[in-house]
Amino acid sequence: MVDEPYKDGSGSEHGICQTYKLALYLYALRMVTGEYSYGLEDHLYQSQGPDGGFHTGYDQLGTYAGTQENAETTSIAITTISNLSTTRPFPFSFPFFDIPPWIIYLYTGLAAAAVAVVVRVIVSDQRKRKPQRSLV
């Protein structure tokens, strides 16, 4: 994410992208549009240090360029990464998978109840039409 500190910042900020801004961008992109940006995710993962924390910045090569890790950047990055994973079978947005589960359960239950009523009416109607045998 190229911003003013990246372009015109002091010596320690010039040419360094901020990891938390990238994480927030990825989070907003996922939440608003449902899209993924795999190239940008790679930059986020590359800014993770060997102990699991995330460095505050990264350079154009994707390395963390001597920046320090901190709790704020790490928490934003982890929140973003946890929301980037998907349980959907397809990586694209398909309207059926965007329906909340309770709606699917409700309509499935209503459909089952309707089928049960129709079967009951058909069985009852067939009993009425069945001819009575006389013993004579």
N, C-alpha and C. Protein backbone atom coordinates (compact mmCIF):
# COMPACT_ATOMS: atom_id res chain seq x y z
N MET A 1 0.85 -1.16 0.00
CA MET A 1 0.00 0.00 0.00
C MET A 1 0.91 1.23 0.00
N VAL A 2 0.89 1.94 -1.08
CA VAL A 2 1.73 3.13 -1.19
C VAL A 2 0.94 4.32 -0.65
N ASP A 3 1.47 4.96 0.39
CA ASP A 3 0.83 6.12 0.99
C ASP A 3 1.86 7.24 1.12
N GLU A 4 1.48 8.33 1.76
CA GLU A 4 2.38 9.48 1.90
C GLU A 4 3.67 9.15 2.64
N PRO A 5 3.63 8.44 3.78
CA PRO A 5 4.89 8.09 4.43
C PRO A 5 5.81 7.24 3.54
N TYR A 6 5.22 6.40 2.70
CA TYR A 6 6.02 5.58 1.80
C TYR A 6 6.75 6.48 0.80
N LYS A 7 6.03 7.47 0.25
CA LYS A 7 6.61 8.34 -0.77
C LYS A 7 7.50 9.43 -0.17
N ASP A 8 7.04 10.09 0.86
CA ASP A 8 7.73 11.28 1.37
C ASP A 8 8.09 11.19 2.84
N GLY A 9 8.07 10.01 3.42
CA GLY A 9 8.31 9.87 4.86
C GLY A 9 9.76 10.03 5.24
N SER A 10 9.99 9.96 6.55
CA SER A 10 11.36 10.05 7.07
C SER A 10 12.16 8.83 6.62
N GLY A 11 13.41 8.79 6.97
CA GLY A 11 14.30 7.71 6.55
C GLY A 11 13.79 6.33 6.88
N SER A 12 13.19 6.16 8.07
CA SER A 12 12.70 4.84 8.46
C SER A 12 11.37 4.48 7.82
N GLU A 13 10.63 5.45 7.31
CA GLU A 13 9.33 5.18 6.69
C GLU A 13 9.39 5.21 5.17
N HIS A 14 10.37 5.92 4.61
CA HIS A 14 10.45 6.07 3.15
C HIS A 14 10.71 4.71 2.49
N GLY A 15 9.84 4.32 1.57
CA GLY A 15 9.98 3.06 0.85
C GLY A 15 9.49 1.84 1.61
N ILE A 16 8.88 2.06 2.78
CA ILE A 16 8.36 0.95 3.58
C ILE A 16 6.83 1.01 3.59
N CYS A 17 6.20 -0.08 3.17
CA CYS A 17 4.74 -0.17 3.22
C CYS A 17 4.33 -0.66 4.60
N GLN A 18 3.20 -0.20 5.07
CA GLN A 18 2.72 -0.55 6.40
C GLN A 18 1.87 -1.82 6.34
N THR A 19 2.26 -2.81 7.10
CA THR A 19 1.58 -4.10 7.10
C THR A 19 0.13 -3.98 7.57
N TYR A 20 -0.12 -3.17 8.58
CA TYR A 20 -1.50 -3.08 9.09
C TYR A 20 -2.44 -2.49 8.05
N LYS A 21 -1.93 -1.59 7.20
CA LYS A 21 -2.78 -1.02 6.15
C LYS A 21 -3.12 -2.07 5.10
N LEU A 22 -2.16 -2.90 4.78
CA LEU A 22 -2.42 -4.00 3.85
C LEU A 22 -3.45 -4.96 4.44
N ALA A 23 -3.28 -5.29 5.72
CA ALA A 23 -4.22 -6.21 6.38
C ALA A 23 -5.64 -5.62 6.41
N LEU A 24 -5.74 -4.35 6.73
CA LEU A 24 -7.07 -3.71 6.75
C LEU A 24 -7.68 -3.65 5.36
N TYR A 25 -6.87 -3.41 4.35
CA TYR A 25 -7.37 -3.40 2.97
C TYR A 25 -7.91 -4.77 2.59
N LEU A 26 -7.13 -5.82 2.87
CA LEU A 26 -7.58 -7.19 2.55
C LEU A 26 -8.86 -7.54 3.30
N TYR A 27 -8.94 -7.13 4.56
CA TYR A 27 -10.13 -7.40 5.36
C TYR A 27 -11.35 -6.70 4.76
N ALA A 28 -11.20 -5.43 4.43
CA ALA A 28 -12.32 -4.67 3.85
C ALA A 28 -12.71 -5.23 2.49
N LEU A 29 -11.73 -5.59 1.68
CA LEU A 29 -12.02 -6.17 0.37
C LEU A 29 -12.84 -7.44 0.51
N ARG A 30 -12.47 -8.29 1.44
CA ARG A 30 -13.19 -9.55 1.65
C ARG A 30 -14.60 -9.33 2.19
N MET A 31 -14.72 -8.42 3.16
CA MET A 31 -16.01 -8.20 3.79
C MET A 31 -17.00 -7.47 2.87
N VAL A 32 -16.50 -6.53 2.07
CA VAL A 32 -17.39 -5.72 1.24
C VAL A 32 -17.72 -6.41 -0.08
N THR A 33 -16.72 -6.97 -0.76
CA THR A 33 -16.96 -7.53 -2.08
C THR A 33 -16.97 -9.05 -2.10
N GLY A 34 -16.42 -9.68 -1.07
CA GLY A 34 -16.32 -11.13 -1.05
C GLY A 34 -15.18 -11.66 -1.90
N GLU A 35 -14.34 -10.78 -2.43
CA GLU A 35 -13.24 -11.18 -3.30
C GLU A 35 -11.97 -11.47 -2.50
N TYR A 36 -11.08 -12.18 -3.16
CA TYR A 36 -9.77 -12.48 -2.59
C TYR A 36 -8.71 -11.78 -3.44
N SER A 37 -7.59 -11.50 -2.85
CA SER A 37 -6.47 -10.95 -3.59
C SER A 37 -5.24 -11.75 -3.20
N TYR A 38 -5.01 -12.84 -3.92
CA TYR A 38 -3.97 -13.78 -3.53
C TYR A 38 -2.58 -13.16 -3.57
N GLY A 39 -2.30 -12.27 -4.50
CA GLY A 39 -0.99 -11.63 -4.55
C GLY A 39 -0.71 -10.79 -3.33
N LEU A 40 -1.72 -10.07 -2.86
CA LEU A 40 -1.54 -9.24 -1.67
C LEU A 40 -1.46 -10.09 -0.41
N GLU A 41 -2.15 -11.20 -0.39
CA GLU A 41 -2.06 -12.09 0.77
C GLU A 41 -0.62 -12.57 0.97
N ASP A 42 0.06 -12.81 -0.15
CA ASP A 42 1.45 -13.25 -0.05
C ASP A 42 2.32 -12.22 0.67
N HIS A 43 2.11 -10.94 0.37
CA HIS A 43 2.86 -9.88 1.06
C HIS A 43 2.57 -9.90 2.55
N LEU A 44 1.32 -10.13 2.89
CA LEU A 44 0.96 -10.17 4.31
C LEU A 44 1.66 -11.34 5.00
N TYR A 45 1.63 -12.51 4.39
CA TYR A 45 2.28 -13.68 4.99
C TYR A 45 3.80 -13.49 5.08
N GLN A 46 4.39 -12.81 4.10
CA GLN A 46 5.83 -12.59 4.12
C GLN A 46 6.27 -11.65 5.23
N SER A 47 5.37 -10.84 5.73
CA SER A 47 5.74 -9.92 6.80
C SER A 47 5.65 -10.57 8.18
N GLN A 48 5.32 -11.85 8.20
CA GLN A 48 5.27 -12.57 9.48
C GLN A 48 6.66 -13.04 9.86
N GLY A 49 7.02 -12.78 11.09
CA GLY A 49 8.33 -13.19 11.59
C GLY A 49 8.36 -14.66 11.97
N PRO A 50 9.55 -15.19 12.24
CA PRO A 50 9.67 -16.61 12.57
C PRO A 50 8.98 -17.01 13.87
N ASP A 51 8.75 -16.04 14.76
CA ASP A 51 8.07 -16.37 16.03
C ASP A 51 6.56 -16.19 15.94
N GLY A 52 6.04 -15.84 14.76
CA GLY A 52 4.59 -15.72 14.56
C GLY A 52 4.07 -14.31 14.54
N GLY A 53 4.81 -13.35 15.10
CA GLY A 53 4.37 -11.96 15.09
C GLY A 53 4.53 -11.34 13.71
N PHE A 54 3.82 -10.25 13.47
CA PHE A 54 3.90 -9.57 12.18
C PHE A 54 4.69 -8.28 12.33
N HIS A 55 5.58 -8.05 11.36
CA HIS A 55 6.38 -6.84 11.34
C HIS A 55 5.53 -5.66 10.87
N THR A 56 5.89 -4.48 11.32
CA THR A 56 5.08 -3.29 11.03
C THR A 56 5.17 -2.86 9.58
N GLY A 57 6.22 -3.22 8.88
CA GLY A 57 6.36 -2.78 7.50
C GLY A 57 7.06 -3.80 6.63
N TYR A 58 7.00 -3.56 5.32
CA TYR A 58 7.67 -4.41 4.34
C TYR A 58 8.09 -3.54 3.17
N ASP A 59 9.11 -3.97 2.44
CA ASP A 59 9.59 -3.20 1.30
C ASP A 59 9.02 -3.77 0.00
N GLN A 60 9.49 -3.22 -1.13
CA GLN A 60 8.95 -3.65 -2.42
C GLN A 60 9.26 -5.11 -2.74
N LEU A 61 10.27 -5.65 -2.13
CA LEU A 61 10.61 -7.06 -2.35
C LEU A 61 9.76 -8.00 -1.50
N GLY A 62 9.00 -7.42 -0.57
CA GLY A 62 8.13 -8.23 0.29
C GLY A 62 8.78 -8.63 1.60
N THR A 63 10.03 -8.23 1.83
CA THR A 63 10.68 -8.56 3.10
C THR A 63 10.33 -7.51 4.13
N TYR A 64 10.46 -7.85 5.40
CA TYR A 64 10.08 -6.91 6.44
C TYR A 64 11.14 -5.85 6.72
N ALA A 65 12.21 -5.83 6.00
CA ALA A 65 13.15 -4.71 5.93
C ALA A 65 13.57 -4.14 7.27
N GLY A 66 13.80 -5.00 8.24
CA GLY A 66 14.31 -4.52 9.53
C GLY A 66 13.29 -3.86 10.43
N THR A 67 12.02 -3.90 10.08
CA THR A 67 11.00 -3.31 10.96
C THR A 67 10.73 -4.25 12.12
N GLN A 68 10.17 -3.72 13.16
CA GLN A 68 9.89 -4.49 14.38
C GLN A 68 8.49 -5.11 14.32
N GLU A 69 8.30 -6.13 15.10
CA GLU A 69 6.96 -6.71 15.27
C GLU A 69 6.27 -5.95 16.38
N ASN A 70 4.93 -5.87 16.30
CA ASN A 70 4.20 -5.31 17.43
C ASN A 70 2.82 -5.98 17.53
N ALA A 71 2.20 -5.81 18.67
CA ALA A 71 0.93 -6.48 18.96
C ALA A 71 -0.21 -5.97 18.09
N GLU A 72 -0.23 -4.67 17.82
CA GLU A 72 -1.33 -4.10 17.04
C GLU A 72 -1.33 -4.65 15.62
N THR A 73 -0.17 -4.61 14.97
CA THR A 73 -0.08 -5.12 13.60
C THR A 73 -0.38 -6.61 13.57
N THR A 74 0.14 -7.36 14.53
CA THR A 74 -0.10 -8.80 14.59
C THR A 74 -1.58 -9.10 14.77
N SER A 75 -2.26 -8.39 15.65
CA SER A 75 -3.69 -8.67 15.87
C SER A 75 -4.52 -8.34 14.65
N ILE A 76 -4.20 -7.25 13.96
CA ILE A 76 -4.95 -6.90 12.74
C ILE A 76 -4.68 -7.94 11.66
N ALA A 77 -3.43 -8.37 11.51
CA ALA A 77 -3.09 -9.36 10.50
C ALA A 77 -3.78 -10.70 10.78
N ILE A 78 -3.79 -11.11 12.03
CA ILE A 78 -4.43 -12.38 12.38
C ILE A 78 -5.94 -12.32 12.16
N THR A 79 -6.54 -11.21 12.52
CA THR A 79 -7.98 -11.04 12.27
C THR A 79 -8.27 -11.13 10.78
N THR A 80 -7.45 -10.49 9.98
CA THR A 80 -7.64 -10.52 8.53
C THR A 80 -7.47 -11.93 7.99
N ILE A 81 -6.39 -12.60 8.38
CA ILE A 81 -6.13 -13.96 7.89
C ILE A 81 -7.25 -14.91 8.28
N SER A 82 -7.77 -14.78 9.48
CA SER A 82 -8.84 -15.67 9.90
C SER A 82 -10.12 -15.44 9.11
N ASN A 83 -10.29 -14.24 8.57
CA ASN A 83 -11.47 -13.95 7.75
C ASN A 83 -11.24 -14.18 6.27
N LEU A 84 -10.00 -14.45 5.88
CA LEU A 84 -9.73 -14.74 4.48
C LEU A 84 -10.00 -16.19 4.15
N SER A 85 -9.87 -17.07 5.15
CA SER A 85 -10.14 -18.47 4.87
C SER A 85 -11.62 -18.64 4.61
N THR A 86 -11.95 -19.66 3.88
CA THR A 86 -13.33 -19.84 3.48
C THR A 86 -13.77 -21.28 3.73
N THR A 87 -15.03 -21.44 4.03
CA THR A 87 -15.60 -22.78 4.14
C THR A 87 -16.47 -23.06 2.93
N ARG A 88 -16.48 -22.16 1.98
CA ARG A 88 -17.27 -22.37 0.78
C ARG A 88 -16.57 -23.36 -0.14
N PRO A 89 -17.32 -24.15 -0.88
CA PRO A 89 -16.69 -25.11 -1.78
C PRO A 89 -16.09 -24.44 -3.02
N PHE A 90 -16.52 -23.22 -3.32
CA PHE A 90 -16.02 -22.51 -4.48
C PHE A 90 -15.41 -21.19 -4.03
N PRO A 91 -14.29 -20.76 -4.62
CA PRO A 91 -13.67 -19.51 -4.20
C PRO A 91 -14.41 -18.28 -4.69
N PHE A 92 -15.40 -18.45 -5.55
CA PHE A 92 -16.15 -17.32 -6.05
C PHE A 92 -17.50 -17.24 -5.33
N SER A 93 -18.14 -16.13 -5.48
CA SER A 93 -19.42 -15.93 -4.81
C SER A 93 -20.53 -16.61 -5.62
N PHE A 94 -21.23 -17.51 -4.99
CA PHE A 94 -22.35 -18.20 -5.60
C PHE A 94 -23.54 -17.93 -4.69
N PRO A 95 -24.62 -17.34 -5.21
CA PRO A 95 -25.71 -16.86 -4.35
C PRO A 95 -26.24 -17.87 -3.34
N PHE A 96 -26.31 -19.14 -3.70
CA PHE A 96 -26.85 -20.13 -2.78
C PHE A 96 -26.03 -20.21 -1.50
N PHE A 97 -24.72 -20.07 -1.60
CA PHE A 97 -23.85 -20.20 -0.44
C PHE A 97 -23.85 -18.97 0.44
N ASP A 98 -24.46 -17.89 -0.03
CA ASP A 98 -24.55 -16.67 0.76
C ASP A 98 -25.82 -16.62 1.62
N ILE A 99 -26.69 -17.63 1.48
CA ILE A 99 -27.92 -17.67 2.25
C ILE A 99 -27.61 -18.16 3.66
N PRO A 100 -28.11 -17.46 4.68
CA PRO A 100 -27.87 -17.92 6.05
C PRO A 100 -28.49 -19.30 6.28
N PRO A 101 -27.85 -20.15 7.04
CA PRO A 101 -28.35 -21.52 7.23
C PRO A 101 -29.75 -21.60 7.80
N TRP A 102 -30.14 -20.68 8.69
CA TRP A 102 -31.46 -20.78 9.29
C TRP A 102 -32.56 -20.64 8.24
N ILE A 103 -32.31 -19.88 7.17
CA ILE A 103 -33.31 -19.74 6.11
C ILE A 103 -33.45 -21.05 5.35
N ILE A 104 -32.33 -21.70 5.10
CA ILE A 104 -32.37 -23.00 4.41
C ILE A 104 -33.12 -24.01 5.25
N TYR A 105 -32.85 -24.05 6.57
CA TYR A 105 -33.56 -24.97 7.46
C TYR A 105 -35.06 -24.67 7.50
N LEU A 106 -35.41 -23.40 7.55
CA LEU A 106 -36.83 -23.01 7.60
C LEU A 106 -37.56 -23.50 6.36
N TYR A 107 -37.03 -23.20 5.18
CA TYR A 107 -37.72 -23.59 3.96
C TYR A 107 -37.70 -25.10 3.74
N THR A 108 -36.66 -25.76 4.19
CA THR A 108 -36.65 -27.22 4.11
C THR A 108 -37.74 -27.81 4.99
N GLY A 109 -37.90 -27.27 6.19
CA GLY A 109 -38.96 -27.72 7.09
C GLY A 109 -40.35 -27.46 6.53
N LEU A 110 -40.54 -26.27 5.96
CA LEU A 110 -41.84 -25.95 5.36
C LEU A 110 -42.15 -26.87 4.18
N ALA A 111 -41.13 -27.16 3.37
CA ALA A 111 -41.34 -28.05 2.23
C ALA A 111 -41.69 -29.46 2.70
N ALA A 112 -41.02 -29.94 3.72
CA ALA A 112 -41.32 -31.27 4.27
C ALA A 112 -42.74 -31.31 4.83
N ALA A 113 -43.15 -30.26 5.52
CA ALA A 113 -44.51 -30.20 6.06
C ALA A 113 -45.54 -30.19 4.93
N ALA A 114 -45.26 -29.46 3.86
CA ALA A 114 -46.19 -29.40 2.73
C ALA A 114 -46.31 -30.76 2.06
N VAL A 115 -45.20 -31.46 1.90
CA VAL A 115 -45.24 -32.81 1.30
C VAL A 115 -46.04 -33.75 2.19
N ALA A 116 -45.87 -33.67 3.49
CA ALA A 116 -46.62 -34.52 4.41
C ALA A 116 -48.12 -34.26 4.31
N VAL A 117 -48.51 -33.00 4.19
CA VAL A 117 -49.94 -32.66 4.06
C VAL A 117 -50.50 -33.22 2.76
N VAL A 118 -49.76 -33.08 1.66
CA VAL A 118 -50.22 -33.59 0.37
C VAL A 118 -50.36 -35.10 0.41
N VAL A 119 -49.40 -35.81 0.98
CA VAL A 119 -49.49 -37.27 1.09
C VAL A 119 -50.70 -37.66 1.93
N ARG A 120 -50.93 -36.96 3.02
CA ARG A 120 -52.07 -37.26 3.90
C ARG A 120 -53.39 -37.06 3.16
N VAL A 121 -53.50 -36.01 2.38
CA VAL A 121 -54.74 -35.75 1.62
C VAL A 121 -54.96 -36.82 0.57
N ILE A 122 -53.89 -37.23 -0.12
CA ILE A 122 -54.02 -38.27 -1.16
C ILE A 122 -54.44 -39.60 -0.54
N VAL A 123 -53.83 -40.00 0.56
CA VAL A 123 -54.18 -41.25 1.23
C VAL A 123 -55.62 -41.21 1.72
N SER A 124 -56.04 -40.10 2.30
CA SER A 124 -57.42 -39.96 2.79
C SER A 124 -58.41 -40.03 1.65
N ASP A 125 -58.09 -39.41 0.51
CA ASP A 125 -58.99 -39.40 -0.64
C ASP A 125 -59.11 -40.80 -1.23
N GLN A 126 -58.02 -41.56 -1.26
CA GLN A 126 -58.08 -42.92 -1.80
C GLN A 126 -58.92 -43.83 -0.92
N ARG A 127 -58.89 -43.61 0.38
CA ARG A 127 -59.72 -44.42 1.28
C ARG A 127 -61.19 -44.16 1.06
N LYS A 128 -61.53 -42.91 0.75
CA LYS A 128 -62.93 -42.58 0.51
C LYS A 128 -63.43 -43.17 -0.80
N ARG A 129 -62.58 -43.25 -1.79
CA ARG A 129 -62.97 -43.74 -3.11
C ARG A 129 -62.95 -45.28 -3.20
N LYS A 130 -62.36 -45.92 -2.26
CA LYS A 130 -62.26 -47.37 -2.30
C LYS A 130 -63.68 -47.98 -2.25
N PRO A 131 -64.03 -48.82 -3.21
CA PRO A 131 -65.38 -49.38 -3.22
C PRO A 131 -65.61 -50.35 -2.08
N GLN A 132 -66.81 -50.30 -1.51
CA GLN A 132 -67.18 -51.18 -0.41
C GLN A 132 -67.66 -52.50 -1.01
N ARG A 133 -67.20 -53.59 -0.50
CA ARG A 133 -67.63 -54.88 -0.97
C ARG A 133 -68.87 -55.32 -0.16
N SER A 134 -69.82 -55.80 -0.85
CA SER A 134 -71.01 -56.29 -0.15
C SER A 134 -70.89 -57.80 0.03
N LEU A 135 -71.52 -58.31 1.04
CA LEU A 135 -71.46 -59.72 1.36
C LEU A 135 -72.60 -60.52 0.73
N VAL A 136 -73.43 -59.91 -0.03
CA VAL A 136 -74.56 -60.59 -0.61
C VAL A 136 -74.24 -61.40 -1.80
